[in-house]
Amino acid sequence: MSDSPSYTLIEAKPKIESYCAYQERCDYEVRQKLYSWGLSSEDVNALIAHLITHNYLNEERFAEAFVSGKFRIKKWGRIKILRELKMRKISSYSIQKALEQIDDNEYLQTMRHLLEYKSKTTKGKNEWDKQNKLKRYLASKGYETELIFELFKSED
């Protein structure tokens, strides 16, 4: 037997409205939640349409909030943010529009800050090894390889 509750369409409507009002959600997350509640695809589609018309669900708004939070709070780079948004099945248009919010100067400044912070705690056998660890760290945060190499050239 499943651990998730089972709701009717009437019961699910206020619950999903409150779920969407609490924080920005994407269509994919909401669909997954509704299916986990045991609703049929017909009911899920009806609720999604209701949420969109009543502005509980907005893909562009979700993408902008996601980009803003992941960049400013988690210090993620564009590549990682893009990959996460694609996993949530956000349209290319919304992704592009949201990524344009990131100021290039702020982006480079964040990279420098991360590099400065991480270089204090990173140890390597030699300078080359330490630089490679730092480059891998920035790449794992989702920063573009070209920008990482440019950053290290400017540090020399």
N, C-alpha and C. Protein backbone atom coordinates (compact mmCIF):
# COMPACT_ATOMS: atom_id res chain seq x y z
N MET A 1 0.83 -1.19 0.00
CA MET A 1 0.00 0.00 0.00
C MET A 1 0.87 1.25 0.00
N SER A 2 0.45 2.26 -0.69
CA SER A 2 1.22 3.50 -0.85
C SER A 2 1.14 4.38 0.40
N ASP A 3 2.24 5.10 0.68
CA ASP A 3 2.29 6.00 1.83
C ASP A 3 1.61 7.34 1.53
N SER A 4 1.51 7.70 0.25
CA SER A 4 0.97 9.01 -0.10
C SER A 4 -0.56 9.00 -0.01
N PRO A 5 -1.13 10.12 0.40
CA PRO A 5 -2.59 10.19 0.55
C PRO A 5 -3.29 10.15 -0.81
N SER A 6 -4.56 9.83 -0.78
CA SER A 6 -5.36 9.79 -2.00
C SER A 6 -6.47 10.83 -1.85
N TYR A 7 -6.59 11.70 -2.87
CA TYR A 7 -7.57 12.78 -2.80
C TYR A 7 -8.48 12.74 -4.02
N THR A 8 -9.66 13.31 -3.85
CA THR A 8 -10.56 13.51 -4.98
C THR A 8 -10.20 14.86 -5.60
N LEU A 9 -10.76 15.15 -6.73
CA LEU A 9 -10.51 16.42 -7.41
C LEU A 9 -10.89 17.60 -6.52
N ILE A 10 -12.02 17.52 -5.85
CA ILE A 10 -12.50 18.61 -4.98
C ILE A 10 -11.57 18.80 -3.79
N GLU A 11 -11.09 17.70 -3.20
CA GLU A 11 -10.17 17.79 -2.06
C GLU A 11 -8.80 18.31 -2.48
N ALA A 12 -8.38 17.90 -3.67
CA ALA A 12 -7.03 18.24 -4.13
C ALA A 12 -6.89 19.72 -4.51
N LYS A 13 -7.97 20.31 -5.00
CA LYS A 13 -7.91 21.70 -5.50
C LYS A 13 -7.36 22.69 -4.47
N PRO A 14 -7.94 22.82 -3.27
CA PRO A 14 -7.39 23.79 -2.31
C PRO A 14 -5.98 23.40 -1.83
N LYS A 15 -5.72 22.10 -1.75
CA LYS A 15 -4.40 21.66 -1.30
C LYS A 15 -3.32 22.03 -2.31
N ILE A 16 -3.60 21.83 -3.58
CA ILE A 16 -2.59 22.14 -4.60
C ILE A 16 -2.45 23.66 -4.78
N GLU A 17 -3.54 24.39 -4.57
CA GLU A 17 -3.45 25.86 -4.61
C GLU A 17 -2.51 26.34 -3.50
N SER A 18 -2.67 25.78 -2.32
CA SER A 18 -1.83 26.18 -1.19
C SER A 18 -0.38 25.74 -1.42
N TYR A 19 -0.19 24.57 -2.02
CA TYR A 19 1.14 24.06 -2.36
C TYR A 19 1.85 25.03 -3.32
N CYS A 20 1.12 25.55 -4.29
CA CYS A 20 1.70 26.48 -5.27
C CYS A 20 1.86 27.89 -4.70
N ALA A 21 0.99 28.27 -3.77
CA ALA A 21 1.07 29.61 -3.19
C ALA A 21 2.25 29.71 -2.21
N TYR A 22 2.65 28.60 -1.62
CA TYR A 22 3.73 28.59 -0.64
C TYR A 22 5.06 29.00 -1.25
N GLN A 23 5.37 28.47 -2.43
CA GLN A 23 6.58 28.86 -3.16
C GLN A 23 6.36 28.59 -4.63
N GLU A 24 7.20 29.21 -5.46
CA GLU A 24 7.06 29.02 -6.91
C GLU A 24 7.28 27.55 -7.25
N ARG A 25 6.42 27.02 -8.08
CA ARG A 25 6.51 25.63 -8.52
C ARG A 25 6.48 25.59 -10.04
N CYS A 26 7.02 24.51 -10.59
CA CYS A 26 6.93 24.32 -12.03
C CYS A 26 5.86 23.27 -12.32
N ASP A 27 5.41 23.25 -13.53
CA ASP A 27 4.38 22.33 -14.00
C ASP A 27 4.75 20.89 -13.65
N TYR A 28 6.00 20.53 -13.91
CA TYR A 28 6.48 19.15 -13.69
C TYR A 28 6.33 18.73 -12.22
N GLU A 29 6.76 19.60 -11.29
CA GLU A 29 6.66 19.29 -9.85
C GLU A 29 5.20 19.12 -9.43
N VAL A 30 4.35 20.01 -9.93
CA VAL A 30 2.93 19.98 -9.56
C VAL A 30 2.28 18.71 -10.10
N ARG A 31 2.60 18.37 -11.33
CA ARG A 31 2.05 17.13 -11.92
C ARG A 31 2.46 15.91 -11.09
N GLN A 32 3.75 15.86 -10.73
CA GLN A 32 4.25 14.73 -9.94
C GLN A 32 3.48 14.64 -8.62
N LYS A 33 3.27 15.77 -7.97
CA LYS A 33 2.56 15.81 -6.70
C LYS A 33 1.12 15.32 -6.88
N LEU A 34 0.45 15.81 -7.92
CA LEU A 34 -0.95 15.42 -8.16
C LEU A 34 -1.05 13.92 -8.47
N TYR A 35 -0.13 13.41 -9.27
CA TYR A 35 -0.16 11.97 -9.57
C TYR A 35 0.11 11.16 -8.31
N SER A 36 0.97 11.67 -7.43
CA SER A 36 1.27 10.95 -6.18
C SER A 36 0.04 10.91 -5.26
N TRP A 37 -0.90 11.82 -5.48
CA TRP A 37 -2.14 11.84 -4.72
C TRP A 37 -3.20 10.93 -5.32
N GLY A 38 -2.83 10.22 -6.38
CA GLY A 38 -3.74 9.25 -6.97
C GLY A 38 -4.77 9.83 -7.92
N LEU A 39 -4.52 11.02 -8.45
CA LEU A 39 -5.48 11.63 -9.38
C LEU A 39 -5.26 11.11 -10.80
N SER A 40 -6.32 11.09 -11.58
CA SER A 40 -6.24 10.65 -12.97
C SER A 40 -5.63 11.76 -13.83
N SER A 41 -5.16 11.41 -15.02
CA SER A 41 -4.56 12.44 -15.89
C SER A 41 -5.57 13.50 -16.28
N GLU A 42 -6.82 13.13 -16.41
CA GLU A 42 -7.88 14.10 -16.72
C GLU A 42 -7.98 15.14 -15.60
N ASP A 43 -8.01 14.66 -14.36
CA ASP A 43 -8.10 15.56 -13.21
C ASP A 43 -6.83 16.42 -13.08
N VAL A 44 -5.70 15.80 -13.32
CA VAL A 44 -4.42 16.53 -13.23
C VAL A 44 -4.41 17.66 -14.25
N ASN A 45 -4.78 17.36 -15.49
CA ASN A 45 -4.81 18.39 -16.53
C ASN A 45 -5.80 19.51 -16.20
N ALA A 46 -6.94 19.15 -15.62
CA ALA A 46 -7.94 20.16 -15.24
C ALA A 46 -7.38 21.07 -14.14
N LEU A 47 -6.71 20.48 -13.16
CA LEU A 47 -6.14 21.27 -12.07
C LEU A 47 -4.99 22.15 -12.55
N ILE A 48 -4.16 21.62 -13.44
CA ILE A 48 -3.04 22.42 -13.99
C ILE A 48 -3.61 23.62 -14.74
N ALA A 49 -4.64 23.40 -15.54
CA ALA A 49 -5.27 24.51 -16.28
C ALA A 49 -5.84 25.54 -15.31
N HIS A 50 -6.46 25.08 -14.24
CA HIS A 50 -7.01 25.99 -13.22
C HIS A 50 -5.88 26.81 -12.58
N LEU A 51 -4.79 26.14 -12.23
CA LEU A 51 -3.66 26.82 -11.57
C LEU A 51 -3.04 27.88 -12.49
N ILE A 52 -2.95 27.57 -13.76
CA ILE A 52 -2.37 28.53 -14.71
C ILE A 52 -3.30 29.73 -14.90
N THR A 53 -4.60 29.48 -15.07
CA THR A 53 -5.52 30.59 -15.28
C THR A 53 -5.65 31.48 -14.05
N HIS A 54 -5.48 30.93 -12.88
CA HIS A 54 -5.57 31.72 -11.65
C HIS A 54 -4.19 32.17 -11.15
N ASN A 55 -3.20 32.04 -12.02
CA ASN A 55 -1.84 32.54 -11.78
C ASN A 55 -1.13 31.92 -10.56
N TYR A 56 -1.50 30.69 -10.21
CA TYR A 56 -0.76 29.98 -9.17
C TYR A 56 0.51 29.36 -9.78
N LEU A 57 0.43 29.09 -11.07
CA LEU A 57 1.50 28.42 -11.77
C LEU A 57 1.92 29.27 -12.96
N ASN A 58 3.19 29.63 -13.03
CA ASN A 58 3.70 30.45 -14.12
C ASN A 58 5.14 30.03 -14.38
N GLU A 59 5.37 29.44 -15.54
CA GLU A 59 6.69 28.88 -15.86
C GLU A 59 7.79 29.94 -15.85
N GLU A 60 7.53 31.09 -16.45
CA GLU A 60 8.55 32.14 -16.51
C GLU A 60 8.90 32.65 -15.11
N ARG A 61 7.86 32.85 -14.31
CA ARG A 61 8.07 33.33 -12.94
C ARG A 61 8.87 32.30 -12.13
N PHE A 62 8.55 31.01 -12.32
CA PHE A 62 9.29 29.96 -11.63
C PHE A 62 10.75 29.98 -12.06
N ALA A 63 11.00 30.06 -13.37
CA ALA A 63 12.37 30.04 -13.88
C ALA A 63 13.17 31.23 -13.33
N GLU A 64 12.56 32.40 -13.31
CA GLU A 64 13.26 33.59 -12.79
C GLU A 64 13.57 33.45 -11.30
N ALA A 65 12.63 32.93 -10.53
CA ALA A 65 12.86 32.74 -9.10
C ALA A 65 13.93 31.68 -8.86
N PHE A 66 13.90 30.62 -9.65
CA PHE A 66 14.87 29.53 -9.53
C PHE A 66 16.28 30.04 -9.82
N VAL A 67 16.42 30.76 -10.95
CA VAL A 67 17.73 31.30 -11.34
C VAL A 67 18.25 32.25 -10.27
N SER A 68 17.40 33.14 -9.83
CA SER A 68 17.79 34.12 -8.83
C SER A 68 18.28 33.44 -7.55
N GLY A 69 17.52 32.49 -7.06
CA GLY A 69 17.87 31.79 -5.82
C GLY A 69 19.13 30.96 -5.94
N LYS A 70 19.22 30.20 -7.00
CA LYS A 70 20.39 29.31 -7.15
C LYS A 70 21.66 30.10 -7.40
N PHE A 71 21.56 31.22 -8.11
CA PHE A 71 22.76 32.02 -8.35
C PHE A 71 23.14 32.82 -7.10
N ARG A 72 22.19 33.55 -6.56
CA ARG A 72 22.52 34.45 -5.44
C ARG A 72 22.75 33.74 -4.12
N ILE A 73 22.05 32.65 -3.87
CA ILE A 73 22.18 31.97 -2.59
C ILE A 73 23.16 30.80 -2.67
N LYS A 74 22.97 29.93 -3.64
CA LYS A 74 23.83 28.75 -3.74
C LYS A 74 25.09 28.98 -4.58
N LYS A 75 25.16 30.13 -5.26
CA LYS A 75 26.33 30.50 -6.07
C LYS A 75 26.57 29.52 -7.23
N TRP A 76 25.47 29.01 -7.81
CA TRP A 76 25.58 28.12 -8.95
C TRP A 76 25.90 28.91 -10.21
N GLY A 77 26.59 28.26 -11.15
CA GLY A 77 26.87 28.85 -12.44
C GLY A 77 25.74 28.55 -13.43
N ARG A 78 25.84 29.18 -14.59
CA ARG A 78 24.78 29.05 -15.61
C ARG A 78 24.56 27.62 -16.08
N ILE A 79 25.64 26.85 -16.21
CA ILE A 79 25.52 25.48 -16.73
C ILE A 79 24.69 24.62 -15.79
N LYS A 80 24.97 24.69 -14.51
CA LYS A 80 24.25 23.88 -13.53
C LYS A 80 22.79 24.32 -13.44
N ILE A 81 22.55 25.62 -13.48
CA ILE A 81 21.18 26.14 -13.43
C ILE A 81 20.40 25.67 -14.66
N LEU A 82 21.02 25.79 -15.83
CA LEU A 82 20.40 25.36 -17.08
C LEU A 82 20.02 23.88 -17.02
N ARG A 83 20.94 23.04 -16.56
CA ARG A 83 20.70 21.59 -16.47
C ARG A 83 19.52 21.30 -15.53
N GLU A 84 19.48 21.98 -14.39
CA GLU A 84 18.40 21.76 -13.43
C GLU A 84 17.04 22.20 -14.00
N LEU A 85 17.02 23.31 -14.70
CA LEU A 85 15.76 23.77 -15.29
C LEU A 85 15.29 22.82 -16.39
N LYS A 86 16.22 22.29 -17.16
CA LYS A 86 15.84 21.32 -18.21
C LYS A 86 15.28 20.05 -17.58
N MET A 87 15.85 19.65 -16.44
CA MET A 87 15.32 18.46 -15.75
C MET A 87 13.89 18.68 -15.29
N ARG A 88 13.54 19.93 -15.02
CA ARG A 88 12.19 20.26 -14.59
C ARG A 88 11.28 20.58 -15.79
N LYS A 89 11.78 20.30 -16.98
CA LYS A 89 11.03 20.45 -18.23
C LYS A 89 10.54 21.88 -18.48
N ILE A 90 11.38 22.85 -18.18
CA ILE A 90 11.07 24.26 -18.44
C ILE A 90 11.43 24.56 -19.90
N SER A 91 10.64 25.36 -20.57
CA SER A 91 10.88 25.66 -21.99
C SER A 91 12.18 26.44 -22.17
N SER A 92 12.79 26.29 -23.33
CA SER A 92 14.05 26.98 -23.64
C SER A 92 13.86 28.49 -23.56
N TYR A 93 12.71 28.96 -24.01
CA TYR A 93 12.43 30.41 -23.97
C TYR A 93 12.47 30.93 -22.53
N SER A 94 11.78 30.24 -21.63
CA SER A 94 11.74 30.67 -20.23
C SER A 94 13.12 30.58 -19.58
N ILE A 95 13.87 29.54 -19.92
CA ILE A 95 15.22 29.38 -19.38
C ILE A 95 16.09 30.53 -19.82
N GLN A 96 16.06 30.82 -21.12
CA GLN A 96 16.89 31.89 -21.67
C GLN A 96 16.55 33.23 -21.04
N LYS A 97 15.26 33.49 -20.94
CA LYS A 97 14.80 34.76 -20.36
C LYS A 97 15.26 34.88 -18.90
N ALA A 98 15.18 33.80 -18.16
CA ALA A 98 15.57 33.82 -16.74
C ALA A 98 17.09 33.98 -16.59
N LEU A 99 17.85 33.30 -17.44
CA LEU A 99 19.31 33.38 -17.35
C LEU A 99 19.83 34.78 -17.71
N GLU A 100 19.07 35.51 -18.51
CA GLU A 100 19.47 36.87 -18.88
C GLU A 100 19.46 37.82 -17.68
N GLN A 101 18.77 37.43 -16.60
CA GLN A 101 18.74 38.24 -15.37
C GLN A 101 20.11 38.35 -14.72
N ILE A 102 20.94 37.33 -14.93
CA ILE A 102 22.25 37.31 -14.25
C ILE A 102 23.16 38.34 -14.90
N ASP A 103 23.59 39.31 -14.11
CA ASP A 103 24.50 40.35 -14.57
C ASP A 103 25.89 39.75 -14.76
N ASP A 104 26.51 40.01 -15.91
CA ASP A 104 27.83 39.44 -16.22
C ASP A 104 28.89 39.85 -15.20
N ASN A 105 28.88 41.10 -14.79
CA ASN A 105 29.87 41.56 -13.80
C ASN A 105 29.68 40.86 -12.46
N GLU A 106 28.42 40.72 -12.04
CA GLU A 106 28.12 40.03 -10.78
C GLU A 106 28.51 38.56 -10.87
N TYR A 107 28.32 37.97 -12.05
CA TYR A 107 28.66 36.57 -12.29
C TYR A 107 30.17 36.35 -12.12
N LEU A 108 30.96 37.22 -12.76
CA LEU A 108 32.42 37.10 -12.65
C LEU A 108 32.89 37.39 -11.23
N GLN A 109 32.26 38.35 -10.59
CA GLN A 109 32.60 38.68 -9.20
C GLN A 109 32.31 37.48 -8.28
N THR A 110 31.22 36.81 -8.51
CA THR A 110 30.87 35.62 -7.72
C THR A 110 31.90 34.52 -7.94
N MET A 111 32.32 34.34 -9.19
CA MET A 111 33.35 33.34 -9.47
C MET A 111 34.65 33.66 -8.72
N ARG A 112 35.05 34.93 -8.76
CA ARG A 112 36.28 35.35 -8.05
C ARG A 112 36.15 35.10 -6.56
N HIS A 113 34.99 35.45 -6.02
CA HIS A 113 34.74 35.26 -4.59
C HIS A 113 34.84 33.77 -4.22
N LEU A 114 34.20 32.90 -5.01
CA LEU A 114 34.26 31.46 -4.76
C LEU A 114 35.70 30.95 -4.83
N LEU A 115 36.43 31.42 -5.83
CA LEU A 115 37.82 31.01 -6.00
C LEU A 115 38.67 31.44 -4.79
N GLU A 116 38.48 32.67 -4.38
CA GLU A 116 39.22 33.22 -3.23
C GLU A 116 38.91 32.41 -1.97
N TYR A 117 37.63 32.15 -1.74
CA TYR A 117 37.19 31.43 -0.55
C TYR A 117 37.73 29.99 -0.56
N LYS A 118 37.58 29.32 -1.70
CA LYS A 118 37.96 27.91 -1.79
C LYS A 118 39.48 27.74 -1.77
N SER A 119 40.22 28.70 -2.29
CA SER A 119 41.68 28.57 -2.34
C SER A 119 42.30 28.61 -0.94
N LYS A 120 41.59 29.18 0.03
CA LYS A 120 42.10 29.22 1.41
C LYS A 120 42.10 27.83 2.04
N THR A 121 41.15 26.97 1.64
CA THR A 121 41.03 25.65 2.26
C THR A 121 41.53 24.51 1.37
N THR A 122 41.88 24.81 0.12
CA THR A 122 42.31 23.76 -0.80
C THR A 122 43.81 23.55 -0.71
N LYS A 123 44.17 22.28 -0.60
CA LYS A 123 45.59 21.94 -0.56
C LYS A 123 45.90 21.05 -1.75
N GLY A 124 47.11 21.14 -2.23
CA GLY A 124 47.54 20.30 -3.33
C GLY A 124 49.00 19.94 -3.16
N LYS A 125 49.44 18.94 -3.89
CA LYS A 125 50.85 18.52 -3.83
C LYS A 125 51.76 19.67 -4.26
N ASN A 126 51.26 20.40 -5.25
CA ASN A 126 52.00 21.56 -5.76
C ASN A 126 50.98 22.57 -6.28
N GLU A 127 51.47 23.68 -6.81
CA GLU A 127 50.57 24.76 -7.28
C GLU A 127 49.68 24.28 -8.42
N TRP A 128 50.22 23.48 -9.33
CA TRP A 128 49.46 22.97 -10.48
C TRP A 128 48.29 22.11 -10.01
N ASP A 129 48.57 21.24 -9.04
CA ASP A 129 47.55 20.34 -8.49
C ASP A 129 46.45 21.16 -7.80
N LYS A 130 46.85 22.17 -7.03
CA LYS A 130 45.89 23.02 -6.33
C LYS A 130 45.00 23.76 -7.33
N GLN A 131 45.62 24.30 -8.40
CA GLN A 131 44.83 25.01 -9.42
C GLN A 131 43.82 24.07 -10.09
N ASN A 132 44.23 22.85 -10.36
CA ASN A 132 43.31 21.89 -10.98
C ASN A 132 42.12 21.58 -10.08
N LYS A 133 42.39 21.46 -8.78
CA LYS A 133 41.30 21.22 -7.83
C LYS A 133 40.33 22.41 -7.82
N LEU A 134 40.88 23.60 -7.86
CA LEU A 134 40.04 24.80 -7.86
C LEU A 134 39.23 24.90 -9.15
N LYS A 135 39.84 24.55 -10.26
CA LYS A 135 39.13 24.58 -11.55
C LYS A 135 37.99 23.56 -11.54
N ARG A 136 38.26 22.38 -11.01
CA ARG A 136 37.21 21.35 -10.93
C ARG A 136 36.07 21.81 -10.01
N TYR A 137 36.43 22.49 -8.93
CA TYR A 137 35.42 23.00 -8.01
C TYR A 137 34.49 23.98 -8.73
N LEU A 138 35.07 24.94 -9.44
CA LEU A 138 34.24 25.93 -10.16
C LEU A 138 33.39 25.24 -11.23
N ALA A 139 33.97 24.25 -11.90
CA ALA A 139 33.21 23.52 -12.93
C ALA A 139 32.05 22.76 -12.28
N SER A 140 32.28 22.20 -11.09
CA SER A 140 31.21 21.46 -10.41
C SER A 140 30.10 22.39 -9.95
N LYS A 141 30.40 23.66 -9.75
CA LYS A 141 29.39 24.65 -9.39
C LYS A 141 28.63 25.12 -10.62
N GLY A 142 29.07 24.71 -11.81
CA GLY A 142 28.33 25.02 -13.03
C GLY A 142 28.85 26.20 -13.81
N TYR A 143 30.09 26.59 -13.57
CA TYR A 143 30.66 27.72 -14.31
C TYR A 143 31.31 27.22 -15.60
N GLU A 144 31.28 28.07 -16.63
CA GLU A 144 31.77 27.72 -17.94
C GLU A 144 33.29 27.58 -17.94
N THR A 145 33.77 26.55 -18.63
CA THR A 145 35.21 26.25 -18.69
C THR A 145 36.01 27.43 -19.21
N GLU A 146 35.50 28.10 -20.25
CA GLU A 146 36.24 29.23 -20.83
C GLU A 146 36.44 30.33 -19.78
N LEU A 147 35.38 30.62 -19.01
CA LEU A 147 35.47 31.65 -17.98
C LEU A 147 36.42 31.24 -16.86
N ILE A 148 36.42 29.97 -16.53
CA ILE A 148 37.33 29.47 -15.49
C ILE A 148 38.77 29.67 -15.92
N PHE A 149 39.08 29.29 -17.17
CA PHE A 149 40.46 29.45 -17.66
C PHE A 149 40.85 30.92 -17.77
N GLU A 150 39.91 31.77 -18.20
CA GLU A 150 40.18 33.21 -18.25
C GLU A 150 40.48 33.77 -16.86
N LEU A 151 39.72 33.32 -15.89
CA LEU A 151 39.90 33.75 -14.51
C LEU A 151 41.29 33.38 -13.99
N PHE A 152 41.73 32.17 -14.31
CA PHE A 152 43.06 31.74 -13.86
C PHE A 152 44.17 32.46 -14.60
N LYS A 153 43.94 32.79 -15.88
CA LYS A 153 44.94 33.57 -16.63
C LYS A 153 45.10 34.95 -16.01
N SER A 154 43.97 35.56 -15.63
CA SER A 154 44.03 36.91 -15.05
C SER A 154 44.64 36.90 -13.66
N GLU A 155 44.60 35.75 -12.98
CA GLU A 155 45.17 35.62 -11.62
C GLU A 155 46.69 35.51 -11.68
N ASP A 156 47.23 35.03 -12.81
CA ASP A 156 48.69 34.83 -12.94
C ASP A 156 49.45 36.14 -12.93
